[in-house]
Amino acid sequence: YLTTNGSAASWAVLDTDANTTTKGLYEHAHTISSNYTISSGNNAFSAGDITINSGVSVTIPSSSQWVIT
């Protein structure tokens, strides 16, 4: 992606930690603030209390599961 420090633009690599991480801990938000659909055939998990904002939905296909621990 293209980024800038305010005076010069440069290309950077997006670090998504999509499937693996070398970090000792992995953090995620405890509030879901926009609609989310789990991909069909995939599962999802969250840790701790989860709040889904008013008017926001999480869609879980019949072939998927969402586990909250």
PDB file of N, CA and C in Angstrom:
ATOM      1  N   TYR A   1       0.838  -1.170   0.000  1.00  0.00           N
ATOM      2  CA  TYR A   1       0.000   0.000   0.000  1.00  0.00           C
ATOM      3  C   TYR A   1       0.883   1.233   0.000  1.00  0.00           C
ATOM      4  N   LEU A   2       0.315   2.348  -0.426  1.00  0.00           N
ATOM      5  CA  LEU A   2       1.040   3.611  -0.483  1.00  0.00           C
ATOM      6  C   LEU A   2       0.836   4.348   0.831  1.00  0.00           C
ATOM      7  N   THR A   3       1.920   4.788   1.426  1.00  0.00           N
ATOM      8  CA  THR A   3       1.855   5.497   2.704  1.00  0.00           C
ATOM      9  C   THR A   3       2.651   6.795   2.597  1.00  0.00           C
ATOM     10  N   THR A   4       2.483   7.655   3.578  1.00  0.00           N
ATOM     11  CA  THR A   4       3.221   8.909   3.578  1.00  0.00           C
ATOM     12  C   THR A   4       3.559   9.306   5.008  1.00  0.00           C
ATOM     13  N   ASN A   5       4.656  10.008   5.158  1.00  0.00           N
ATOM     14  CA  ASN A   5       5.028  10.533   6.469  1.00  0.00           C
ATOM     15  C   ASN A   5       4.666  12.015   6.568  1.00  0.00           C
ATOM     16  N   GLY A   6       3.897  12.496   5.624  1.00  0.00           N
ATOM     17  CA  GLY A   6       3.493  13.895   5.599  1.00  0.00           C
ATOM     18  C   GLY A   6       4.269  14.712   4.592  1.00  0.00           C
ATOM     19  N   SER A   7       5.431  14.199   4.166  1.00  0.00           N
ATOM     20  CA  SER A   7       6.208  14.946   3.182  1.00  0.00           C
ATOM     21  C   SER A   7       6.679  14.081   2.022  1.00  0.00           C
ATOM     22  N   ALA A   8       6.742  12.768   2.208  1.00  0.00           N
ATOM     23  CA  ALA A   8       7.193  11.882   1.138  1.00  0.00           C
ATOM     24  C   ALA A   8       6.347  10.620   1.134  1.00  0.00           C
ATOM     25  N   ALA A   9       5.991  10.165  -0.064  1.00  0.00           N
ATOM     26  CA  ALA A   9       5.217   8.931  -0.201  1.00  0.00           C
ATOM     27  C   ALA A   9       6.156   7.753  -0.414  1.00  0.00           C
ATOM     28  N   SER A  10       5.739   6.572   0.068  1.00  0.00           N
ATOM     29  CA  SER A  10       6.532   5.358  -0.135  1.00  0.00           C
ATOM     30  C   SER A  10       5.603   4.153  -0.105  1.00  0.00           C
ATOM     31  N   TRP A  11       6.085   3.037  -0.639  1.00  0.00           N
ATOM     32  CA  TRP A  11       5.315   1.797  -0.636  1.00  0.00           C
ATOM     33  C   TRP A  11       5.670   1.004   0.611  1.00  0.00           C
ATOM     34  N   ALA A  12       4.666   0.367   1.218  1.00  0.00           N
ATOM     35  CA  ALA A  12       4.878  -0.447   2.406  1.00  0.00           C
ATOM     36  C   ALA A  12       4.113  -1.758   2.252  1.00  0.00           C
ATOM     37  N   VAL A  13       4.506  -2.760   3.031  1.00  0.00           N
ATOM     38  CA  VAL A  13       3.851  -4.062   3.007  1.00  0.00           C
ATOM     39  C   VAL A  13       2.819  -4.109   4.125  1.00  0.00           C
ATOM     40  N   LEU A  14       1.613  -4.522   3.796  1.00  0.00           N
ATOM     41  CA  LEU A  14       0.542  -4.614   4.768  1.00  0.00           C
ATOM     42  C   LEU A  14       0.755  -5.843   5.645  1.00  0.00           C
ATOM     43  N   ASP A  15       0.846  -5.665   6.955  1.00  0.00           N
ATOM     44  CA  ASP A  15       1.020  -6.754   7.909  1.00  0.00           C
ATOM     45  C   ASP A  15      -0.349  -7.106   8.486  1.00  0.00           C
ATOM     46  N   THR A  16      -0.934  -8.196   8.013  1.00  0.00           N
ATOM     47  CA  THR A  16      -2.287  -8.545   8.431  1.00  0.00           C
ATOM     48  C   THR A  16      -2.350  -9.627   9.495  1.00  0.00           C
ATOM     49  N   ASP A  17      -1.270 -10.350   9.715  1.00  0.00           N
ATOM     50  CA  ASP A  17      -1.292 -11.482  10.651  1.00  0.00           C
ATOM     51  C   ASP A  17      -2.472 -12.398  10.349  1.00  0.00           C
ATOM     52  N   ALA A  18      -2.765 -12.602   9.088  1.00  0.00           N
ATOM     53  CA  ALA A  18      -3.988 -13.291   8.682  1.00  0.00           C
ATOM     54  C   ALA A  18      -4.115 -14.700   9.255  1.00  0.00           C
ATOM     55  N   ASN A  19      -3.100 -15.510   9.188  1.00  0.00           N
ATOM     56  CA  ASN A  19      -3.227 -16.892   9.637  1.00  0.00           C
ATOM     57  C   ASN A  19      -2.227 -17.303  10.697  1.00  0.00           C
ATOM     58  N   THR A  20      -1.159 -16.563  10.842  1.00  0.00           N
ATOM     59  CA  THR A  20      -0.157 -16.912  11.841  1.00  0.00           C
ATOM     60  C   THR A  20       0.354 -15.649  12.503  1.00  0.00           C
ATOM     61  N   THR A  21       0.957 -15.831  13.666  1.00  0.00           N
ATOM     62  CA  THR A  21       1.564 -14.707  14.350  1.00  0.00           C
ATOM     63  C   THR A  21       2.773 -15.185  15.128  1.00  0.00           C
ATOM     64  N   THR A  22       3.763 -14.353  15.242  1.00  0.00           N
ATOM     65  CA  THR A  22       4.929 -14.673  16.057  1.00  0.00           C
ATOM     66  C   THR A  22       4.874 -13.911  17.371  1.00  0.00           C
ATOM     67  N   LYS A  23       3.774 -13.215  17.598  1.00  0.00           N
ATOM     68  CA  LYS A  23       3.596 -12.453  18.820  1.00  0.00           C
ATOM     69  C   LYS A  23       3.192 -13.387  19.958  1.00  0.00           C
ATOM     70  N   GLY A  24       3.549 -13.039  21.175  1.00  0.00           N
ATOM     71  CA  GLY A  24       3.171 -13.837  22.332  1.00  0.00           C
ATOM     72  C   GLY A  24       1.696 -13.728  22.649  1.00  0.00           C
ATOM     73  N   LEU A  25       1.075 -12.615  22.278  1.00  0.00           N
ATOM     74  CA  LEU A  25      -0.340 -12.388  22.509  1.00  0.00           C
ATOM     75  C   LEU A  25      -0.959 -11.841  21.230  1.00  0.00           C
ATOM     76  N   TYR A  26      -2.202 -12.131  21.041  1.00  0.00           N
ATOM     77  CA  TYR A  26      -2.928 -11.613  19.885  1.00  0.00           C
ATOM     78  C   TYR A  26      -4.146 -10.874  20.405  1.00  0.00           C
ATOM     79  N   GLU A  27      -4.282  -9.606  20.049  1.00  0.00           N
ATOM     80  CA  GLU A  27      -5.370  -8.782  20.549  1.00  0.00           C
ATOM     81  C   GLU A  27      -6.438  -8.570  19.484  1.00  0.00           C
ATOM     82  N   HIS A  28      -7.683  -8.444  19.967  1.00  0.00           N
ATOM     83  CA  HIS A  28      -8.781  -8.091  19.069  1.00  0.00           C
ATOM     84  C   HIS A  28      -9.759  -7.217  19.845  1.00  0.00           C
ATOM     85  N   ALA A  29     -10.532  -6.469  19.124  1.00  0.00           N
ATOM     86  CA  ALA A  29     -11.519  -5.590  19.750  1.00  0.00           C
ATOM     87  C   ALA A  29     -12.617  -6.421  20.392  1.00  0.00           C
ATOM     88  N   HIS A  30     -13.198  -5.937  21.468  1.00  0.00           N
ATOM     89  CA  HIS A  30     -14.298  -6.653  22.098  1.00  0.00           C
ATOM     90  C   HIS A  30     -15.652  -6.119  21.648  1.00  0.00           C
ATOM     91  N   THR A  31     -15.642  -5.102  20.789  1.00  0.00           N
ATOM     92  CA  THR A  31     -16.880  -4.553  20.247  1.00  0.00           C
ATOM     93  C   THR A  31     -16.900  -4.724  18.738  1.00  0.00           C
ATOM     94  N   ILE A  32     -17.984  -5.292  18.225  1.00  0.00           N
ATOM     95  CA  ILE A  32     -18.165  -5.429  16.782  1.00  0.00           C
ATOM     96  C   ILE A  32     -19.007  -4.238  16.349  1.00  0.00           C
ATOM     97  N   SER A  33     -18.406  -3.372  15.545  1.00  0.00           N
ATOM     98  CA  SER A  33     -19.053  -2.103  15.204  1.00  0.00           C
ATOM     99  C   SER A  33     -19.506  -2.014  13.755  1.00  0.00           C
ATOM    100  N   SER A  34     -19.274  -3.068  12.969  1.00  0.00           N
ATOM    101  CA  SER A  34     -19.773  -3.083  11.593  1.00  0.00           C
ATOM    102  C   SER A  34     -20.194  -4.507  11.248  1.00  0.00           C
ATOM    103  N   ASN A  35     -21.104  -4.634  10.293  1.00  0.00           N
ATOM    104  CA  ASN A  35     -21.596  -5.954   9.895  1.00  0.00           C
ATOM    105  C   ASN A  35     -20.443  -6.856   9.497  1.00  0.00           C
ATOM    106  N   TYR A  36     -20.568  -8.131   9.859  1.00  0.00           N
ATOM    107  CA  TYR A  36     -19.526  -9.103   9.540  1.00  0.00           C
ATOM    108  C   TYR A  36     -20.181 -10.416   9.142  1.00  0.00           C
ATOM    109  N   THR A  37     -19.676 -11.038   8.093  1.00  0.00           N
ATOM    110  CA  THR A  37     -20.136 -12.351   7.668  1.00  0.00           C
ATOM    111  C   THR A  37     -18.957 -13.301   7.660  1.00  0.00           C
ATOM    112  N   ILE A  38     -19.078 -14.389   8.404  1.00  0.00           N
ATOM    113  CA  ILE A  38     -18.054 -15.425   8.374  1.00  0.00           C
ATOM    114  C   ILE A  38     -18.149 -16.114   7.014  1.00  0.00           C
ATOM    115  N   SER A  39     -17.019 -16.334   6.380  1.00  0.00           N
ATOM    116  CA  SER A  39     -17.011 -16.992   5.072  1.00  0.00           C
ATOM    117  C   SER A  39     -17.573 -18.398   5.196  1.00  0.00           C
ATOM    118  N   SER A  40     -18.388 -18.803   4.253  1.00  0.00           N
ATOM    119  CA  SER A  40     -18.982 -20.129   4.257  1.00  0.00           C
ATOM    120  C   SER A  40     -17.900 -21.198   4.318  1.00  0.00           C
ATOM    121  N   GLY A  41     -18.060 -22.143   5.234  1.00  0.00           N
ATOM    122  CA  GLY A  41     -17.071 -23.213   5.389  1.00  0.00           C
ATOM    123  C   GLY A  41     -15.954 -22.862   6.339  1.00  0.00           C
ATOM    124  N   ASN A  42     -15.896 -21.612   6.804  1.00  0.00           N
ATOM    125  CA  ASN A  42     -14.881 -21.199   7.774  1.00  0.00           C
ATOM    126  C   ASN A  42     -15.513 -21.046   9.137  1.00  0.00           C
ATOM    127  N   ASN A  43     -14.679 -21.076  10.181  1.00  0.00           N
ATOM    128  CA  ASN A  43     -15.113 -20.852  11.544  1.00  0.00           C
ATOM    129  C   ASN A  43     -14.429 -19.610  12.070  1.00  0.00           C
ATOM    130  N   ALA A  44     -14.946 -19.083  13.177  1.00  0.00           N
ATOM    131  CA  ALA A  44     -14.343 -17.915  13.813  1.00  0.00           C
ATOM    132  C   ALA A  44     -14.373 -18.109  15.323  1.00  0.00           C
ATOM    133  N   PHE A  45     -13.445 -17.423  16.018  1.00  0.00           N
ATOM    134  CA  PHE A  45     -13.492 -17.460  17.470  1.00  0.00           C
ATOM    135  C   PHE A  45     -13.132 -16.094  18.026  1.00  0.00           C
ATOM    136  N   SER A  46     -13.655 -15.819  19.205  1.00  0.00           N
ATOM    137  CA  SER A  46     -13.370 -14.584  19.932  1.00  0.00           C
ATOM    138  C   SER A  46     -13.121 -14.965  21.380  1.00  0.00           C
ATOM    139  N   ALA A  47     -12.351 -14.156  22.073  1.00  0.00           N
ATOM    140  CA  ALA A  47     -12.074 -14.398  23.485  1.00  0.00           C
ATOM    141  C   ALA A  47     -12.663 -13.273  24.324  1.00  0.00           C
ATOM    142  N   GLY A  48     -13.303 -13.647  25.433  1.00  0.00           N
ATOM    143  CA  GLY A  48     -13.846 -12.658  26.348  1.00  0.00           C
ATOM    144  C   GLY A  48     -15.221 -12.194  25.939  1.00  0.00           C
ATOM    145  N   ASP A  49     -15.721 -11.213  26.692  1.00  0.00           N
ATOM    146  CA  ASP A  49     -17.036 -10.651  26.396  1.00  0.00           C
ATOM    147  C   ASP A  49     -17.013  -9.943  25.045  1.00  0.00           C
ATOM    148  N   ILE A  50     -18.086 -10.113  24.283  1.00  0.00           N
ATOM    149  CA  ILE A  50     -18.210  -9.475  22.978  1.00  0.00           C
ATOM    150  C   ILE A  50     -19.488  -8.637  22.977  1.00  0.00           C
ATOM    151  N   THR A  51     -19.384  -7.413  22.493  1.00  0.00           N
ATOM    152  CA  THR A  51     -20.540  -6.538  22.333  1.00  0.00           C
ATOM    153  C   THR A  51     -20.761  -6.319  20.847  1.00  0.00           C
ATOM    154  N   ILE A  52     -21.995  -6.485  20.400  1.00  0.00           N
ATOM    155  CA  ILE A  52     -22.361  -6.191  19.012  1.00  0.00           C
ATOM    156  C   ILE A  52     -23.192  -4.914  19.055  1.00  0.00           C
ATOM    157  N   ASN A  53     -22.680  -3.868  18.434  1.00  0.00           N
ATOM    158  CA  ASN A  53     -23.373  -2.575  18.457  1.00  0.00           C
ATOM    159  C   ASN A  53     -24.776  -2.682  17.858  1.00  0.00           C
ATOM    160  N   SER A  54     -25.646  -1.797  18.304  1.00  0.00           N
ATOM    161  CA  SER A  54     -27.014  -1.733  17.814  1.00  0.00           C
ATOM    162  C   SER A  54     -27.029  -1.529  16.305  1.00  0.00           C
ATOM    163  N   GLY A  55     -27.858  -2.286  15.608  1.00  0.00           N
ATOM    164  CA  GLY A  55     -27.964  -2.164  14.160  1.00  0.00           C
ATOM    165  C   GLY A  55     -26.908  -2.933  13.399  1.00  0.00           C
ATOM    166  N   VAL A  56     -26.011  -3.611  14.111  1.00  0.00           N
ATOM    167  CA  VAL A  56     -24.923  -4.368  13.490  1.00  0.00           C
ATOM    168  C   VAL A  56     -25.251  -5.851  13.605  1.00  0.00           C
ATOM    169  N   SER A  57     -24.901  -6.623  12.590  1.00  0.00           N
ATOM    170  CA  SER A  57     -25.161  -8.062  12.645  1.00  0.00           C
ATOM    171  C   SER A  57     -23.919  -8.862  12.291  1.00  0.00           C
ATOM    172  N   VAL A  58     -23.852 -10.056  12.860  1.00  0.00           N
ATOM    173  CA  VAL A  58     -22.829 -11.037  12.514  1.00  0.00           C
ATOM    174  C   VAL A  58     -23.576 -12.208  11.882  1.00  0.00           C
ATOM    175  N   THR A  59     -23.219 -12.538  10.653  1.00  0.00           N
ATOM    176  CA  THR A  59     -23.881 -13.620   9.929  1.00  0.00           C
ATOM    177  C   THR A  59     -23.003 -14.855   9.982  1.00  0.00           C
ATOM    178  N   ILE A  60     -23.596 -15.960  10.426  1.00  0.00           N
ATOM    179  CA  ILE A  60     -22.884 -17.228  10.545  1.00  0.00           C
ATOM    180  C   ILE A  60     -23.570 -18.237   9.626  1.00  0.00           C
ATOM    181  N   PRO A  61     -22.929 -18.607   8.510  1.00  0.00           N
ATOM    182  CA  PRO A  61     -23.542 -19.582   7.601  1.00  0.00           C
ATOM    183  C   PRO A  61     -23.765 -20.919   8.307  1.00  0.00           C
ATOM    184  N   SER A  62     -24.686 -21.721   7.795  1.00  0.00           N
ATOM    185  CA  SER A  62     -25.003 -23.007   8.419  1.00  0.00           C
ATOM    186  C   SER A  62     -23.805 -23.956   8.450  1.00  0.00           C
ATOM    187  N   SER A  63     -22.839 -23.752   7.580  1.00  0.00           N
ATOM    188  CA  SER A  63     -21.649 -24.616   7.540  1.00  0.00           C
ATOM    189  C   SER A  63     -20.515 -24.086   8.404  1.00  0.00           C
ATOM    190  N   SER A  64     -20.778 -23.043   9.206  1.00  0.00           N
ATOM    191  CA  SER A  64     -19.741 -22.386  10.001  1.00  0.00           C
ATOM    192  C   SER A  64     -20.142 -22.314  11.465  1.00  0.00           C
ATOM    193  N   GLN A  65     -19.153 -22.004  12.306  1.00  0.00           N
ATOM    194  CA  GLN A  65     -19.386 -21.791  13.730  1.00  0.00           C
ATOM    195  C   GLN A  65     -18.612 -20.577  14.201  1.00  0.00           C
ATOM    196  N   TRP A  66     -19.161 -19.896  15.207  1.00  0.00           N
ATOM    197  CA  TRP A  66     -18.469 -18.807  15.899  1.00  0.00           C
ATOM    198  C   TRP A  66     -18.410 -19.209  17.361  1.00  0.00           C
ATOM    199  N   VAL A  67     -17.210 -19.385  17.878  1.00  0.00           N
ATOM    200  CA  VAL A  67     -17.007 -19.778  19.261  1.00  0.00           C
ATOM    201  C   VAL A  67     -16.491 -18.581  20.037  1.00  0.00           C
ATOM    202  N   ILE A  68     -17.135 -18.270  21.152  1.00  0.00           N
ATOM    203  CA  ILE A  68     -16.692 -17.192  22.032  1.00  0.00           C
ATOM    204  C   ILE A  68     -16.267 -17.844  23.333  1.00  0.00           C
ATOM    205  N   THR A  69     -14.989 -17.682  23.689  1.00  0.00           N
ATOM    206  CA  THR A  69     -14.459 -18.327  24.896  1.00  0.00           C
ATOM    207  C   THR A  69     -14.221 -17.344  25.998  1.00  0.00           C
TER     208      THR A  69
END
